[in-house]
Amino acid sequence: MNTNCLSNPVRFTAGIWTIQSSIFPENSASLALHEKCGFRTVGRRERIARMSYGPWAGCWRDTILVERRATTE
Protein backbone atom coordinates (compact mmCIF):
# COMPACT_ATOMS: atom_id res chain seq x y z
CA MET A 1 0.00 0.00 0.00
CA ASN A 2 1.24 3.49 -0.83
CA THR A 3 1.78 5.43 2.39
CA ASN A 4 2.88 8.73 0.82
CA CYS A 5 -0.18 10.67 1.95
CA LEU A 6 0.34 9.53 5.55
CA SER A 7 4.13 9.56 5.76
CA ASN A 8 4.96 12.95 4.24
CA PRO A 9 5.99 15.36 6.98
CA VAL A 10 3.12 17.37 8.39
CA ARG A 11 4.08 21.05 8.32
CA PHE A 12 2.56 24.19 9.81
CA THR A 13 0.66 25.24 6.69
CA ALA A 14 -2.79 26.74 6.44
CA GLY A 15 -3.03 26.55 10.23
CA ILE A 16 -2.92 22.73 10.28
CA TRP A 17 -0.72 21.38 13.07
CA THR A 18 -2.24 17.96 13.81
CA ILE A 19 -3.96 15.17 11.91
CA GLN A 20 -6.21 12.78 13.82
CA SER A 21 -7.87 9.52 12.88
CA SER A 22 -10.31 7.18 14.62
CA ILE A 23 -9.85 3.47 14.00
CA PHE A 24 -11.84 0.48 15.20
CA PRO A 25 -9.73 -1.53 17.69
CA GLU A 26 -9.86 -4.77 15.69
CA ASN A 27 -8.50 -3.06 12.55
CA SER A 28 -4.90 -4.03 13.25
CA ALA A 29 -3.80 -3.37 9.65
CA SER A 30 -4.92 0.27 9.82
CA LEU A 31 -3.39 0.74 13.28
CA ALA A 32 -0.07 -0.68 12.03
CA LEU A 33 -0.15 1.51 8.91
CA HIS A 34 -0.76 4.67 10.93
CA GLU A 35 2.02 3.75 13.39
CA LYS A 36 4.41 3.13 10.49
CA CYS A 37 3.59 6.61 9.19
CA GLY A 38 4.40 8.34 12.48
CA PHE A 39 1.01 8.46 14.18
CA ARG A 40 0.81 7.77 17.91
CA THR A 41 -2.08 6.44 19.96
CA VAL A 42 -3.71 9.21 21.97
CA GLY A 43 -6.47 7.19 23.58
CA ARG A 44 -9.63 5.16 23.31
CA ARG A 45 -12.99 6.81 22.71
CA GLU A 46 -15.71 4.67 24.26
CA ARG A 47 -19.04 4.14 22.51
CA ILE A 48 -18.42 6.99 20.05
CA ALA A 49 -19.22 5.39 16.67
CA ARG A 50 -22.63 3.90 15.91
CA MET A 51 -22.67 1.34 13.15
CA SER A 52 -25.52 1.46 10.63
CA TYR A 53 -24.76 -1.72 8.67
CA GLY A 54 -23.28 -5.20 8.92
CA PRO A 55 -23.07 -7.43 11.99
CA TRP A 56 -22.51 -4.40 14.24
CA ALA A 57 -25.62 -2.53 13.00
CA GLY A 58 -27.23 -0.54 15.80
CA CYS A 59 -24.25 -1.00 18.14
CA TRP A 60 -22.17 1.78 19.62
CA ARG A 61 -18.46 1.08 19.11
CA ASP A 62 -15.20 2.17 20.71
CA THR A 63 -12.49 3.66 18.50
CA ILE A 64 -8.76 4.17 18.94
CA LEU A 65 -7.74 7.81 18.48
CA VAL A 66 -4.36 8.32 16.79
CA GLU A 67 -2.65 11.57 15.81
CA ARG A 68 0.37 12.98 14.09
CA ARG A 69 1.70 16.42 15.00
CA ALA A 70 3.36 18.92 12.68
CA THR A 71 7.09 19.42 12.81
CA THR A 72 8.40 22.83 13.88
CA GLU A 73 10.79 23.06 10.96
C-alpha atoms as a PDB file:
ATOM      1  CA  MET A   1       0.000   0.000   0.000  1.00  0.00           C
ATOM      2  CA  ASN A   2       1.237   3.492  -0.830  1.00  0.00           C
ATOM      3  CA  THR A   3       1.778   5.427   2.392  1.00  0.00           C
ATOM      4  CA  ASN A   4       2.881   8.734   0.818  1.00  0.00           C
ATOM      5  CA  CYS A   5      -0.176  10.667   1.951  1.00  0.00           C
ATOM      6  CA  LEU A   6       0.344   9.532   5.546  1.00  0.00           C
ATOM      7  CA  SER A   7       4.132   9.557   5.764  1.00  0.00           C
ATOM      8  CA  ASN A   8       4.959  12.948   4.238  1.00  0.00           C
ATOM      9  CA  PRO A   9       5.987  15.359   6.981  1.00  0.00           C
ATOM     10  CA  VAL A  10       3.123  17.374   8.389  1.00  0.00           C
ATOM     11  CA  ARG A  11       4.078  21.049   8.324  1.00  0.00           C
ATOM     12  CA  PHE A  12       2.563  24.190   9.808  1.00  0.00           C
ATOM     13  CA  THR A  13       0.661  25.237   6.686  1.00  0.00           C
ATOM     14  CA  ALA A  14      -2.789  26.737   6.443  1.00  0.00           C
ATOM     15  CA  GLY A  15      -3.034  26.546  10.235  1.00  0.00           C
ATOM     16  CA  ILE A  16      -2.922  22.731  10.280  1.00  0.00           C
ATOM     17  CA  TRP A  17      -0.723  21.378  13.074  1.00  0.00           C
ATOM     18  CA  THR A  18      -2.238  17.960  13.812  1.00  0.00           C
ATOM     19  CA  ILE A  19      -3.956  15.168  11.909  1.00  0.00           C
ATOM     20  CA  GLN A  20      -6.212  12.781  13.817  1.00  0.00           C
ATOM     21  CA  SER A  21      -7.867   9.516  12.875  1.00  0.00           C
ATOM     22  CA  SER A  22     -10.305   7.183  14.624  1.00  0.00           C
ATOM     23  CA  ILE A  23      -9.852   3.469  13.997  1.00  0.00           C
ATOM     24  CA  PHE A  24     -11.842   0.478  15.201  1.00  0.00           C
ATOM     25  CA  PRO A  25      -9.732  -1.533  17.691  1.00  0.00           C
ATOM     26  CA  GLU A  26      -9.857  -4.769  15.685  1.00  0.00           C
ATOM     27  CA  ASN A  27      -8.498  -3.056  12.547  1.00  0.00           C
ATOM     28  CA  SER A  28      -4.899  -4.035  13.247  1.00  0.00           C
ATOM     29  CA  ALA A  29      -3.801  -3.368   9.652  1.00  0.00           C
ATOM     30  CA  SER A  30      -4.915   0.274   9.824  1.00  0.00           C
ATOM     31  CA  LEU A  31      -3.394   0.739  13.278  1.00  0.00           C
ATOM     32  CA  ALA A  32      -0.069  -0.675  12.031  1.00  0.00           C
ATOM     33  CA  LEU A  33      -0.148   1.509   8.906  1.00  0.00           C
ATOM     34  CA  HIS A  34      -0.756   4.669  10.930  1.00  0.00           C
ATOM     35  CA  GLU A  35       2.020   3.753  13.389  1.00  0.00           C
ATOM     36  CA  LYS A  36       4.414   3.133  10.490  1.00  0.00           C
ATOM     37  CA  CYS A  37       3.585   6.610   9.190  1.00  0.00           C
ATOM     38  CA  GLY A  38       4.397   8.338  12.476  1.00  0.00           C
ATOM     39  CA  PHE A  39       1.013   8.457  14.178  1.00  0.00           C
ATOM     40  CA  ARG A  40       0.806   7.765  17.906  1.00  0.00           C
ATOM     41  CA  THR A  41      -2.078   6.438  19.959  1.00  0.00           C
ATOM     42  CA  VAL A  42      -3.714   9.210  21.973  1.00  0.00           C
ATOM     43  CA  GLY A  43      -6.473   7.191  23.580  1.00  0.00           C
ATOM     44  CA  ARG A  44      -9.626   5.163  23.314  1.00  0.00           C
ATOM     45  CA  ARG A  45     -12.987   6.810  22.714  1.00  0.00           C
ATOM     46  CA  GLU A  46     -15.709   4.673  24.263  1.00  0.00           C
ATOM     47  CA  ARG A  47     -19.044   4.140  22.511  1.00  0.00           C
ATOM     48  CA  ILE A  48     -18.416   6.991  20.048  1.00  0.00           C
ATOM     49  CA  ALA A  49     -19.220   5.391  16.668  1.00  0.00           C
ATOM     50  CA  ARG A  50     -22.633   3.904  15.913  1.00  0.00           C
ATOM     51  CA  MET A  51     -22.669   1.337  13.147  1.00  0.00           C
ATOM     52  CA  SER A  52     -25.524   1.461  10.631  1.00  0.00           C
ATOM     53  CA  TYR A  53     -24.759  -1.715   8.667  1.00  0.00           C
ATOM     54  CA  GLY A  54     -23.279  -5.205   8.919  1.00  0.00           C
ATOM     55  CA  PRO A  55     -23.066  -7.427  11.993  1.00  0.00           C
ATOM     56  CA  TRP A  56     -22.505  -4.398  14.245  1.00  0.00           C
ATOM     57  CA  ALA A  57     -25.622  -2.531  12.997  1.00  0.00           C
ATOM     58  CA  GLY A  58     -27.232  -0.539  15.800  1.00  0.00           C
ATOM     59  CA  CYS A  59     -24.252  -1.002  18.135  1.00  0.00           C
ATOM     60  CA  TRP A  60     -22.171   1.779  19.623  1.00  0.00           C
ATOM     61  CA  ARG A  61     -18.462   1.084  19.109  1.00  0.00           C
ATOM     62  CA  ASP A  62     -15.201   2.169  20.708  1.00  0.00           C
ATOM     63  CA  THR A  63     -12.489   3.658  18.498  1.00  0.00           C
ATOM     64  CA  ILE A  64      -8.764   4.165  18.945  1.00  0.00           C
ATOM     65  CA  LEU A  65      -7.738   7.812  18.476  1.00  0.00           C
ATOM     66  CA  VAL A  66      -4.362   8.322  16.790  1.00  0.00           C
ATOM     67  CA  GLU A  67      -2.655  11.568  15.813  1.00  0.00           C
ATOM     68  CA  ARG A  68       0.374  12.979  14.087  1.00  0.00           C
ATOM     69  CA  ARG A  69       1.695  16.421  15.001  1.00  0.00           C
ATOM     70  CA  ALA A  70       3.361  18.917  12.681  1.00  0.00           C
ATOM     71  CA  THR A  71       7.095  19.421  12.806  1.00  0.00           C
ATOM     72  CA  THR A  72       8.398  22.830  13.883  1.00  0.00           C
ATOM     73  CA  GLU A  73      10.787  23.063  10.959  1.00  0.00           C
END
